[in-house]
Amino acid sequence: MKNKENKVKTAKYDKGQVFVKIMAGILALLMVAGTGATLIFALMA
């Protein structure tokens, strides 16, 4: 019984987990880009 329930749960949340990972990657890239841009502008000023 537990194995079947686990398989159903993982099947339902696979797409959600992929979406969350993609969003987390995009946000991480934006944070790194923002930090880099801030440092560049701070050094130019």
N, C-alpha and C. Protein backbone atom coordinates (compact mmCIF):
# COMPACT_ATOMS: atom_id res chain seq x y z
N MET A 1 0.83 -1.21 0.00
CA MET A 1 0.00 0.00 0.00
C MET A 1 0.87 1.26 0.00
N LYS A 2 1.87 1.29 0.84
CA LYS A 2 2.70 2.49 0.93
C LYS A 2 3.46 2.75 -0.37
N ASN A 3 3.95 1.68 -1.01
CA ASN A 3 4.69 1.86 -2.26
C ASN A 3 3.81 2.48 -3.33
N LYS A 4 2.57 2.02 -3.44
CA LYS A 4 1.66 2.58 -4.45
C LYS A 4 1.38 4.05 -4.16
N GLU A 5 1.16 4.39 -2.89
CA GLU A 5 0.89 5.79 -2.53
C GLU A 5 2.09 6.67 -2.85
N ASN A 6 3.29 6.18 -2.57
CA ASN A 6 4.49 6.95 -2.85
C ASN A 6 4.65 7.19 -4.35
N LYS A 7 4.35 6.15 -5.16
CA LYS A 7 4.48 6.31 -6.61
C LYS A 7 3.49 7.34 -7.12
N VAL A 8 2.27 7.32 -6.60
CA VAL A 8 1.26 8.29 -7.04
C VAL A 8 1.70 9.70 -6.66
N LYS A 9 2.20 9.87 -5.46
CA LYS A 9 2.62 11.21 -5.01
C LYS A 9 3.78 11.72 -5.87
N THR A 10 4.78 10.87 -6.14
CA THR A 10 5.93 11.32 -6.93
C THR A 10 5.49 11.64 -8.35
N ALA A 11 4.55 10.87 -8.90
CA ALA A 11 4.09 11.13 -10.26
C ALA A 11 3.37 12.47 -10.32
N LYS A 12 2.60 12.80 -9.29
CA LYS A 12 1.85 14.06 -9.28
C LYS A 12 2.79 15.26 -9.13
N TYR A 13 3.82 15.12 -8.32
CA TYR A 13 4.66 16.28 -8.00
C TYR A 13 5.89 16.42 -8.90
N ASP A 14 6.10 15.50 -9.85
CA ASP A 14 7.28 15.59 -10.70
C ASP A 14 7.29 16.90 -11.49
N LYS A 15 6.16 17.22 -12.16
CA LYS A 15 6.12 18.45 -12.95
C LYS A 15 6.29 19.68 -12.06
N GLY A 16 5.69 19.65 -10.87
CA GLY A 16 5.82 20.77 -9.95
C GLY A 16 7.26 20.95 -9.50
N GLN A 17 7.92 19.83 -9.22
CA GLN A 17 9.30 19.93 -8.77
C GLN A 17 10.20 20.47 -9.87
N VAL A 18 9.96 20.04 -11.10
CA VAL A 18 10.76 20.54 -12.22
C VAL A 18 10.54 22.04 -12.37
N PHE A 19 9.27 22.47 -12.29
CA PHE A 19 8.97 23.90 -12.42
C PHE A 19 9.65 24.71 -11.32
N VAL A 20 9.59 24.21 -10.09
CA VAL A 20 10.22 24.91 -8.96
C VAL A 20 11.73 25.00 -9.16
N LYS A 21 12.34 23.91 -9.65
CA LYS A 21 13.79 23.93 -9.86
C LYS A 21 14.16 24.93 -10.95
N ILE A 22 13.37 24.99 -12.02
CA ILE A 22 13.64 25.94 -13.09
C ILE A 22 13.52 27.36 -12.57
N MET A 23 12.45 27.63 -11.81
CA MET A 23 12.25 28.98 -11.26
C MET A 23 13.39 29.34 -10.31
N ALA A 24 13.82 28.39 -9.49
CA ALA A 24 14.92 28.65 -8.56
C ALA A 24 16.20 28.98 -9.33
N GLY A 25 16.44 28.26 -10.42
CA GLY A 25 17.62 28.54 -11.24
C GLY A 25 17.57 29.92 -11.85
N ILE A 26 16.39 30.31 -12.36
CA ILE A 26 16.24 31.63 -12.96
C ILE A 26 16.46 32.71 -11.90
N LEU A 27 15.86 32.53 -10.72
CA LEU A 27 16.03 33.52 -9.66
C LEU A 27 17.50 33.61 -9.22
N ALA A 28 18.18 32.47 -9.16
CA ALA A 28 19.60 32.47 -8.79
C ALA A 28 20.41 33.24 -9.82
N LEU A 29 20.11 33.01 -11.11
CA LEU A 29 20.83 33.74 -12.16
C LEU A 29 20.57 35.25 -12.06
N LEU A 30 19.32 35.62 -11.78
CA LEU A 30 19.00 37.04 -11.65
C LEU A 30 19.74 37.65 -10.46
N MET A 31 19.83 36.93 -9.37
CA MET A 31 20.54 37.45 -8.20
C MET A 31 22.02 37.65 -8.50
N VAL A 32 22.62 36.67 -9.17
CA VAL A 32 24.05 36.78 -9.51
C VAL A 32 24.25 37.94 -10.48
N ALA A 33 23.37 38.05 -11.48
CA ALA A 33 23.50 39.14 -12.46
C ALA A 33 23.32 40.50 -11.79
N GLY A 34 22.36 40.59 -10.87
CA GLY A 34 22.14 41.84 -10.16
C GLY A 34 23.33 42.23 -9.31
N THR A 35 23.90 41.26 -8.64
CA THR A 35 25.08 41.52 -7.81
C THR A 35 26.24 41.99 -8.68
N GLY A 36 26.45 41.30 -9.80
CA GLY A 36 27.54 41.67 -10.69
C GLY A 36 27.33 43.07 -11.25
N ALA A 37 26.11 43.39 -11.67
CA ALA A 37 25.82 44.72 -12.21
C ALA A 37 26.05 45.79 -11.15
N THR A 38 25.63 45.50 -9.92
CA THR A 38 25.82 46.46 -8.84
C THR A 38 27.31 46.73 -8.61
N LEU A 39 28.11 45.66 -8.60
CA LEU A 39 29.55 45.84 -8.39
C LEU A 39 30.17 46.63 -9.52
N ILE A 40 29.76 46.35 -10.76
CA ILE A 40 30.32 47.06 -11.91
C ILE A 40 29.98 48.56 -11.83
N PHE A 41 28.70 48.85 -11.56
CA PHE A 41 28.30 50.27 -11.48
C PHE A 41 28.98 50.95 -10.30
N ALA A 42 29.14 50.24 -9.19
CA ALA A 42 29.81 50.83 -8.02
C ALA A 42 31.28 51.13 -8.33
N LEU A 43 31.94 50.25 -9.08
CA LEU A 43 33.33 50.48 -9.41
C LEU A 43 33.50 51.60 -10.43
N MET A 44 32.51 51.75 -11.31
CA MET A 44 32.60 52.81 -12.33
C MET A 44 32.36 54.18 -11.72
N ALA A 45 31.57 54.25 -10.67
CA ALA A 45 31.21 55.55 -10.09
C ALA A 45 32.41 56.16 -9.37
